[in-house]
Amino acid sequence: MTRNDFLKKTIRASLFLLLALLVFALGKKVVAGKDCSGCPGNEVCNGKTDCSKY
């Protein structure tokens, strides 16, 4: 393995790790459809009508 290959693989792995950490950190804040910022639930919320389920 050459130095360039090592650097490319290291940078690619670190970017993948950063993306995985972002997905893990922001996964519970996902909102589908309309804005449901008043929803106390941590999962996907589809509009204000779903807020009563949480």
PDB file of N, CA and C in Angstrom:
ATOM      1  N   MET A   1       0.859  -1.177   0.000  1.00  0.00           N
ATOM      2  CA  MET A   1       0.000   0.000   0.000  1.00  0.00           C
ATOM      3  C   MET A   1       0.902   1.236   0.000  1.00  0.00           C
ATOM      4  N   THR A   2       0.643   2.116  -0.928  1.00  0.00           N
ATOM      5  CA  THR A   2       1.438   3.333  -1.013  1.00  0.00           C
ATOM      6  C   THR A   2       0.914   4.375  -0.024  1.00  0.00           C
ATOM      7  N   ARG A   3       1.692   5.405   0.145  1.00  0.00           N
ATOM      8  CA  ARG A   3       1.295   6.478   1.063  1.00  0.00           C
ATOM      9  C   ARG A   3       0.004   7.148   0.606  1.00  0.00           C
ATOM     10  N   ASN A   4      -0.126   7.391  -0.696  1.00  0.00           N
ATOM     11  CA  ASN A   4      -1.330   8.023  -1.226  1.00  0.00           C
ATOM     12  C   ASN A   4      -2.567   7.156  -1.005  1.00  0.00           C
ATOM     13  N   ASP A   5      -2.423   5.849  -1.211  1.00  0.00           N
ATOM     14  CA  ASP A   5      -3.545   4.945  -0.960  1.00  0.00           C
ATOM     15  C   ASP A   5      -3.954   4.979   0.508  1.00  0.00           C
ATOM     16  N   PHE A   6      -2.961   4.976   1.387  1.00  0.00           N
ATOM     17  CA  PHE A   6      -3.251   5.023   2.815  1.00  0.00           C
ATOM     18  C   PHE A   6      -3.988   6.312   3.181  1.00  0.00           C
ATOM     19  N   LEU A   7      -3.527   7.438   2.660  1.00  0.00           N
ATOM     20  CA  LEU A   7      -4.180   8.714   2.958  1.00  0.00           C
ATOM     21  C   LEU A   7      -5.604   8.745   2.413  1.00  0.00           C
ATOM     22  N   LYS A   8      -5.805   8.250   1.212  1.00  0.00           N
ATOM     23  CA  LYS A   8      -7.144   8.228   0.624  1.00  0.00           C
ATOM     24  C   LYS A   8      -8.086   7.371   1.455  1.00  0.00           C
ATOM     25  N   LYS A   9      -7.639   6.203   1.856  1.00  0.00           N
ATOM     26  CA  LYS A   9      -8.480   5.306   2.652  1.00  0.00           C
ATOM     27  C   LYS A   9      -8.753   5.891   4.040  1.00  0.00           C
ATOM     28  N   THR A  10      -7.760   6.537   4.622  1.00  0.00           N
ATOM     29  CA  THR A  10      -7.938   7.144   5.944  1.00  0.00           C
ATOM     30  C   THR A  10      -8.928   8.302   5.879  1.00  0.00           C
ATOM     31  N   ILE A  11      -8.801   9.145   4.874  1.00  0.00           N
ATOM     32  CA  ILE A  11      -9.726  10.279   4.719  1.00  0.00           C
ATOM     33  C   ILE A  11     -11.130   9.769   4.425  1.00  0.00           C
ATOM     34  N   ARG A  12     -11.261   8.766   3.578  1.00  0.00           N
ATOM     35  CA  ARG A  12     -12.567   8.209   3.261  1.00  0.00           C
ATOM     36  C   ARG A  12     -13.226   7.599   4.499  1.00  0.00           C
ATOM     37  N   ALA A  13     -12.455   6.890   5.304  1.00  0.00           N
ATOM     38  CA  ALA A  13     -12.992   6.284   6.524  1.00  0.00           C
ATOM     39  C   ALA A  13     -13.389   7.342   7.542  1.00  0.00           C
ATOM     40  N   SER A  14     -12.602   8.405   7.655  1.00  0.00           N
ATOM     41  CA  SER A  14     -12.937   9.461   8.617  1.00  0.00           C
ATOM     42  C   SER A  14     -14.189  10.229   8.184  1.00  0.00           C
ATOM     43  N   LEU A  15     -14.356  10.455   6.893  1.00  0.00           N
ATOM     44  CA  LEU A  15     -15.569  11.110   6.418  1.00  0.00           C
ATOM     45  C   LEU A  15     -16.800  10.229   6.637  1.00  0.00           C
ATOM     46  N   PHE A  16     -16.649   8.926   6.424  1.00  0.00           N
ATOM     47  CA  PHE A  16     -17.748   8.008   6.676  1.00  0.00           C
ATOM     48  C   PHE A  16     -18.101   7.986   8.165  1.00  0.00           C
ATOM     49  N   LEU A  17     -17.097   7.999   9.023  1.00  0.00           N
ATOM     50  CA  LEU A  17     -17.336   8.034  10.467  1.00  0.00           C
ATOM     51  C   LEU A  17     -18.033   9.323  10.872  1.00  0.00           C
ATOM     52  N   LEU A  18     -17.635  10.436  10.307  1.00  0.00           N
ATOM     53  CA  LEU A  18     -18.281  11.716  10.596  1.00  0.00           C
ATOM     54  C   LEU A  18     -19.750  11.689  10.160  1.00  0.00           C
ATOM     55  N   LEU A  19     -20.016  11.150   8.991  1.00  0.00           N
ATOM     56  CA  LEU A  19     -21.387  11.039   8.509  1.00  0.00           C
ATOM     57  C   LEU A  19     -22.217  10.123   9.415  1.00  0.00           C
ATOM     58  N   ALA A  20     -21.634   9.024   9.844  1.00  0.00           N
ATOM     59  CA  ALA A  20     -22.341   8.101  10.733  1.00  0.00           C
ATOM     60  C   ALA A  20     -22.646   8.773  12.071  1.00  0.00           C
ATOM     61  N   LEU A  21     -21.721   9.547  12.598  1.00  0.00           N
ATOM     62  CA  LEU A  21     -21.959  10.257  13.859  1.00  0.00           C
ATOM     63  C   LEU A  21     -23.063  11.299  13.708  1.00  0.00           C
ATOM     64  N   LEU A  22     -23.091  11.993  12.581  1.00  0.00           N
ATOM     65  CA  LEU A  22     -24.158  12.963  12.339  1.00  0.00           C
ATOM     66  C   LEU A  22     -25.516  12.281  12.248  1.00  0.00           C
ATOM     67  N   VAL A  23     -25.574  11.176  11.551  1.00  0.00           N
ATOM     68  CA  VAL A  23     -26.837  10.445  11.434  1.00  0.00           C
ATOM     69  C   VAL A  23     -27.288   9.955  12.806  1.00  0.00           C
ATOM     70  N   PHE A  24     -26.372   9.447  13.594  1.00  0.00           N
ATOM     71  CA  PHE A  24     -26.715   8.966  14.934  1.00  0.00           C
ATOM     72  C   PHE A  24     -27.182  10.107  15.831  1.00  0.00           C
ATOM     73  N   ALA A  25     -26.514  11.251  15.752  1.00  0.00           N
ATOM     74  CA  ALA A  25     -26.857  12.381  16.612  1.00  0.00           C
ATOM     75  C   ALA A  25     -28.169  13.046  16.206  1.00  0.00           C
ATOM     76  N   LEU A  26     -28.439  13.118  14.927  1.00  0.00           N
ATOM     77  CA  LEU A  26     -29.620  13.834  14.447  1.00  0.00           C
ATOM     78  C   LEU A  26     -30.778  12.907  14.084  1.00  0.00           C
ATOM     79  N   GLY A  27     -30.612  11.628  14.235  1.00  0.00           N
ATOM     80  CA  GLY A  27     -31.633  10.673  13.846  1.00  0.00           C
ATOM     81  C   GLY A  27     -32.950  10.845  14.563  1.00  0.00           C
ATOM     82  N   LYS A  28     -32.924  11.247  15.808  1.00  0.00           N
ATOM     83  CA  LYS A  28     -34.159  11.408  16.570  1.00  0.00           C
ATOM     84  C   LYS A  28     -34.849  12.731  16.282  1.00  0.00           C
ATOM     85  N   LYS A  29     -34.237  13.592  15.523  1.00  0.00           N
ATOM     86  CA  LYS A  29     -34.821  14.889  15.227  1.00  0.00           C
ATOM     87  C   LYS A  29     -35.420  14.941  13.829  1.00  0.00           C
ATOM     88  N   VAL A  30     -35.594  13.788  13.206  1.00  0.00           N
ATOM     89  CA  VAL A  30     -36.134  13.720  11.850  1.00  0.00           C
ATOM     90  C   VAL A  30     -37.619  14.041  11.872  1.00  0.00           C
ATOM     91  N   VAL A  31     -38.040  14.887  10.960  1.00  0.00           N
ATOM     92  CA  VAL A  31     -39.453  15.241  10.826  1.00  0.00           C
ATOM     93  C   VAL A  31     -39.832  15.030   9.376  1.00  0.00           C
ATOM     94  N   ALA A  32     -40.890  14.267   9.155  1.00  0.00           N
ATOM     95  CA  ALA A  32     -41.368  14.029   7.789  1.00  0.00           C
ATOM     96  C   ALA A  32     -42.637  14.835   7.578  1.00  0.00           C
ATOM     97  N   GLY A  33     -42.788  15.383   6.409  1.00  0.00           N
ATOM     98  CA  GLY A  33     -43.998  16.139   6.103  1.00  0.00           C
ATOM     99  C   GLY A  33     -43.933  17.546   6.636  1.00  0.00           C
ATOM    100  N   LYS A  34     -44.996  17.976   7.283  1.00  0.00           N
ATOM    101  CA  LYS A  34     -45.096  19.349   7.779  1.00  0.00           C
ATOM    102  C   LYS A  34     -44.256  19.545   9.030  1.00  0.00           C
ATOM    103  N   ASP A  35     -44.050  20.783   9.385  1.00  0.00           N
ATOM    104  CA  ASP A  35     -43.306  21.119  10.593  1.00  0.00           C
ATOM    105  C   ASP A  35     -44.083  20.655  11.811  1.00  0.00           C
ATOM    106  N   CYS A  36     -43.442  19.919  12.664  1.00  0.00           N
ATOM    107  CA  CYS A  36     -44.090  19.408  13.870  1.00  0.00           C
ATOM    108  C   CYS A  36     -43.189  19.698  15.065  1.00  0.00           C
ATOM    109  N   SER A  37     -42.743  20.916  15.171  1.00  0.00           N
ATOM    110  CA  SER A  37     -41.794  21.271  16.217  1.00  0.00           C
ATOM    111  C   SER A  37     -42.411  21.204  17.606  1.00  0.00           C
ATOM    112  N   GLY A  38     -43.735  21.238  17.705  1.00  0.00           N
ATOM    113  CA  GLY A  38     -44.374  21.146  19.003  1.00  0.00           C
ATOM    114  C   GLY A  38     -44.563  19.726  19.489  1.00  0.00           C
ATOM    115  N   CYS A  39     -44.147  18.750  18.702  1.00  0.00           N
ATOM    116  CA  CYS A  39     -44.322  17.347  19.050  1.00  0.00           C
ATOM    117  C   CYS A  39     -43.329  16.942  20.139  1.00  0.00           C
ATOM    118  N   PRO A  40     -43.803  16.367  21.233  1.00  0.00           N
ATOM    119  CA  PRO A  40     -42.873  15.926  22.258  1.00  0.00           C
ATOM    120  C   PRO A  40     -42.181  14.607  21.914  1.00  0.00           C
ATOM    121  N   GLY A  41     -42.653  13.899  20.885  1.00  0.00           N
ATOM    122  CA  GLY A  41     -42.071  12.618  20.516  1.00  0.00           C
ATOM    123  C   GLY A  41     -40.714  12.784  19.863  1.00  0.00           C
ATOM    124  N   ASN A  42     -39.875  11.766  20.001  1.00  0.00           N
ATOM    125  CA  ASN A  42     -38.537  11.808  19.424  1.00  0.00           C
ATOM    126  C   ASN A  42     -38.462  11.116  18.077  1.00  0.00           C
ATOM    127  N   GLU A  43     -39.520  10.508  17.639  1.00  0.00           N
ATOM    128  CA  GLU A  43     -39.507   9.774  16.380  1.00  0.00           C
ATOM    129  C   GLU A  43     -40.066  10.631  15.256  1.00  0.00           C
ATOM    130  N   VAL A  44     -40.340  10.020  14.123  1.00  0.00           N
ATOM    131  CA  VAL A  44     -40.874  10.732  12.964  1.00  0.00           C
ATOM    132  C   VAL A  44     -42.294  11.194  13.271  1.00  0.00           C
ATOM    133  N   CYS A  45     -42.609  12.433  12.940  1.00  0.00           N
ATOM    134  CA  CYS A  45     -43.915  13.018  13.195  1.00  0.00           C
ATOM    135  C   CYS A  45     -44.445  13.575  11.882  1.00  0.00           C
ATOM    136  N   ASN A  46     -45.600  13.124  11.450  1.00  0.00           N
ATOM    137  CA  ASN A  46     -46.191  13.561  10.185  1.00  0.00           C
ATOM    138  C   ASN A  46     -47.272  14.594  10.430  1.00  0.00           C
ATOM    139  N   GLY A  47     -46.905  15.823  10.582  1.00  0.00           N
ATOM    140  CA  GLY A  47     -47.880  16.896  10.725  1.00  0.00           C
ATOM    141  C   GLY A  47     -48.438  17.010  12.135  1.00  0.00           C
ATOM    142  N   LYS A  48     -49.259  18.037  12.343  1.00  0.00           N
ATOM    143  CA  LYS A  48     -49.808  18.318  13.670  1.00  0.00           C
ATOM    144  C   LYS A  48     -50.775  17.246  14.146  1.00  0.00           C
ATOM    145  N   THR A  49     -51.394  16.494  13.232  1.00  0.00           N
ATOM    146  CA  THR A  49     -52.360  15.481  13.658  1.00  0.00           C
ATOM    147  C   THR A  49     -51.691  14.323  14.376  1.00  0.00           C
ATOM    148  N   ASP A  50     -50.433  14.052  14.058  1.00  0.00           N
ATOM    149  CA  ASP A  50     -49.723  12.954  14.720  1.00  0.00           C
ATOM    150  C   ASP A  50     -49.198  13.345  16.099  1.00  0.00           C
ATOM    151  N   CYS A  51     -49.193  14.610  16.406  1.00  0.00           N
ATOM    152  CA  CYS A  51     -48.631  15.049  17.682  1.00  0.00           C
ATOM    153  C   CYS A  51     -49.407  14.478  18.866  1.00  0.00           C
ATOM    154  N   SER A  52     -50.692  14.195  18.690  1.00  0.00           N
ATOM    155  CA  SER A  52     -51.483  13.657  19.790  1.00  0.00           C
ATOM    156  C   SER A  52     -51.098  12.219  20.108  1.00  0.00           C
ATOM    157  N   LYS A  53     -50.461  11.525  19.198  1.00  0.00           N
ATOM    158  CA  LYS A  53     -50.057  10.137  19.430  1.00  0.00           C
ATOM    159  C   LYS A  53     -48.900  10.057  20.406  1.00  0.00           C
ATOM    160  N   TYR A  54     -48.165  11.114  20.564  1.00  0.00           N
ATOM    161  CA  TYR A  54     -46.998  11.084  21.431  1.00  0.00           C
ATOM    162  C   TYR A  54     -47.387  11.629  22.761  1.00  0.00           C
TER     163      TYR A  54
END
